[in-house]
Amino acid sequence: MLKAIDIMTNEPITLTSDTDISTAVKTLLENRINGVPVVDDGKVVGVLTQTDLVAQQKKLSLPSFFTLLDGVFPLASLAELDSEMQKITALTVNDAMTKPAVTVSPDTGLDELAAVMSDKKLYTLPVVDGDVLVGVVGKEDVLGTLIAKE
């Protein structure tokens, strides 16, 4: 069975958490990639994807509130609202990225890679050996295995 090490991109493009958003957007578009690992001090701290950046263009959906005995209570999580606000107003990668990063090891099987991508809707998976980034697996890498079977 194929493993992450068999299909990953070696020496992936990375960003740091203090990279500005415009540079991050240019990096993704110029390299025609969906996402990149965010690395600080040699450790993967998150993943920035096109989806994270597209979130900046959406309208903020304010949660509904209800009043009971002069108290105001939100019907949705204020933490979710805070996270959404942070992404919409992001100036650096740190504010827009998905964190913590979901990572896989070089020995992770193709079936588990596909499960993580499908179940968690994460399509850029940093491959780490210990704490060291050794590659990245994207959805195109997994899809490419379908062609190889023919």
Protein backbone atom coordinates (compact mmCIF):
# COMPACT_ATOMS: atom_id res chain seq x y z
CA MET A 1 0.00 0.00 0.00
CA LEU A 2 1.17 3.49 -0.82
CA LYS A 3 2.23 5.75 2.04
CA ALA A 4 2.61 9.50 2.45
CA ILE A 5 6.33 9.27 1.71
CA ASP A 6 5.52 7.71 -1.69
CA ILE A 7 3.26 10.52 -2.92
CA MET A 8 4.28 13.61 -0.96
CA THR A 9 5.94 16.69 -2.39
CA ASN A 10 9.46 16.90 -1.00
CA GLU A 11 10.79 20.32 -0.02
CA PRO A 12 7.38 22.01 0.05
CA ILE A 13 6.81 25.73 -0.17
CA THR A 14 6.22 27.16 3.31
CA LEU A 15 5.26 30.45 4.90
CA THR A 16 5.88 31.90 8.34
CA SER A 17 3.13 33.15 10.61
CA ASP A 18 4.27 36.77 10.21
CA THR A 19 4.00 36.71 6.38
CA ASP A 20 1.54 39.35 5.16
CA ILE A 21 -1.66 38.20 3.48
CA SER A 22 -0.89 39.67 0.05
CA THR A 23 2.42 37.79 -0.11
CA ALA A 24 0.65 34.59 0.96
CA VAL A 25 -2.01 35.00 -1.75
CA LYS A 26 0.66 35.58 -4.40
CA THR A 27 2.56 32.51 -3.22
CA LEU A 28 -0.49 30.26 -3.54
CA LEU A 29 -1.55 31.65 -6.92
CA GLU A 30 1.89 31.79 -8.53
CA ASN A 31 2.65 28.22 -7.50
CA ARG A 32 -0.86 26.98 -8.32
CA ILE A 33 -1.25 25.29 -4.94
CA ASN A 34 -4.20 25.00 -2.57
CA GLY A 35 -2.30 25.39 0.70
CA VAL A 36 1.04 25.60 2.45
CA PRO A 37 2.40 24.59 5.83
CA VAL A 38 3.18 27.50 8.13
CA VAL A 39 6.51 26.97 9.85
CA ASP A 40 7.99 28.98 12.74
CA ASP A 41 11.31 28.09 14.36
CA GLY A 42 11.41 24.86 12.37
CA LYS A 43 8.01 23.60 13.61
CA VAL A 44 4.72 23.37 11.73
CA VAL A 45 2.29 25.71 13.52
CA GLY A 46 -0.57 25.74 11.02
CA VAL A 47 -1.67 25.45 7.42
CA LEU A 48 -2.82 28.31 5.22
CA THR A 49 -5.21 27.35 2.43
CA GLN A 50 -7.10 29.14 -0.28
CA THR A 51 -10.26 28.53 1.74
CA ASP A 52 -8.77 30.43 4.68
CA LEU A 53 -8.08 33.37 2.38
CA VAL A 54 -11.44 33.28 0.62
CA ALA A 55 -13.03 33.72 4.06
CA GLN A 56 -11.79 37.32 4.00
CA GLN A 57 -14.30 38.12 1.28
CA LYS A 58 -17.41 36.92 3.08
CA LYS A 59 -19.81 38.93 5.15
CA LEU A 60 -19.69 38.52 8.87
CA SER A 61 -22.70 36.56 10.07
CA LEU A 62 -23.67 37.90 13.45
CA PRO A 63 -25.17 35.38 15.84
CA SER A 64 -28.74 35.72 17.00
CA PHE A 65 -29.37 36.64 20.61
CA PHE A 66 -32.27 36.18 22.95
CA THR A 67 -33.13 38.11 26.10
CA LEU A 68 -34.22 36.51 29.34
CA LEU A 69 -34.66 38.43 32.58
CA ASP A 70 -32.62 41.38 31.35
CA GLY A 71 -29.79 39.08 30.24
CA VAL A 72 -28.62 38.78 26.64
CA PHE A 73 -27.56 35.32 25.48
CA PRO A 74 -26.03 34.41 22.12
CA LEU A 75 -27.54 31.48 20.22
CA ALA A 76 -24.18 30.65 18.67
CA SER A 77 -20.70 30.34 20.06
CA LEU A 78 -18.92 33.63 20.60
CA ALA A 79 -15.64 31.78 20.07
CA GLU A 80 -16.76 30.93 16.52
CA LEU A 81 -17.64 34.58 15.92
CA ASP A 82 -14.23 35.65 17.22
CA SER A 83 -12.47 33.13 14.97
CA GLU A 84 -14.49 34.26 11.95
CA MET A 85 -13.71 37.93 12.70
CA GLN A 86 -10.00 37.11 12.99
CA LYS A 87 -9.97 35.45 9.56
CA ILE A 88 -11.96 38.24 7.88
CA THR A 89 -9.70 40.98 9.25
CA ALA A 90 -6.42 39.06 8.96
CA LEU A 91 -3.33 41.03 8.01
CA THR A 92 -0.85 38.19 8.53
CA VAL A 93 -0.84 34.45 7.95
CA ASN A 94 -1.07 33.89 11.72
CA ASP A 95 -4.56 35.40 11.80
CA ALA A 96 -5.86 33.53 8.75
CA MET A 97 -4.28 30.07 9.00
CA THR A 98 -5.93 26.94 10.31
CA LYS A 99 -4.29 25.95 13.58
CA PRO A 100 -3.14 23.72 14.98
CA ALA A 101 -2.00 21.90 11.86
CA VAL A 102 -3.20 18.36 11.33
CA THR A 103 -0.06 16.49 10.33
CA VAL A 104 0.74 12.99 9.19
CA SER A 105 3.87 10.88 9.33
CA PRO A 106 5.78 9.58 6.31
CA ASP A 107 4.41 6.09 7.08
CA THR A 108 0.74 7.14 7.03
CA GLY A 109 -1.13 4.91 4.57
CA LEU A 110 -3.04 6.21 1.58
CA ASP A 111 -6.33 5.04 3.08
CA GLU A 112 -5.74 7.09 6.24
CA LEU A 113 -4.66 10.14 4.21
CA ALA A 114 -7.88 9.91 2.22
CA ALA A 115 -9.93 9.49 5.41
CA VAL A 116 -8.39 12.56 7.06
CA MET A 117 -8.91 14.67 3.95
CA SER A 118 -12.47 13.48 3.48
CA ASP A 119 -13.63 13.47 7.10
CA LYS A 120 -11.96 16.70 8.21
CA LYS A 121 -12.14 18.51 4.86
CA LEU A 122 -8.41 19.21 4.99
CA TYR A 123 -6.69 18.98 1.64
CA THR A 124 -3.15 20.05 2.52
CA LEU A 125 -1.46 17.75 5.02
CA PRO A 126 2.07 18.50 6.23
CA VAL A 127 4.19 15.36 6.55
CA VAL A 128 6.41 15.48 9.62
CA ASP A 129 9.07 13.13 10.91
CA GLY A 130 9.18 13.89 14.61
CA ASP A 131 8.87 17.68 14.56
CA VAL A 132 10.62 18.16 11.21
CA LEU A 133 8.63 18.99 8.07
CA VAL A 134 9.69 16.54 5.37
CA GLY A 135 6.95 17.05 2.80
CA VAL A 136 3.33 17.83 2.10
CA VAL A 137 0.48 15.75 0.68
CA GLY A 138 -2.25 17.55 -1.22
CA LYS A 139 -5.51 16.29 -2.64
CA GLU A 140 -3.92 16.22 -6.10
CA ASP A 141 -1.29 13.79 -4.78
CA VAL A 142 -4.03 11.46 -3.56
CA LEU A 143 -6.03 11.84 -6.78
CA GLY A 144 -2.93 11.06 -8.80
CA THR A 145 -2.86 7.58 -7.28
CA LEU A 146 -6.12 6.83 -9.09
CA ILE A 147 -4.44 7.37 -12.45
CA ALA A 148 -1.46 5.26 -11.44
CA LYS A 149 -3.78 2.29 -10.83
CA GLU A 150 -4.89 2.19 -14.48
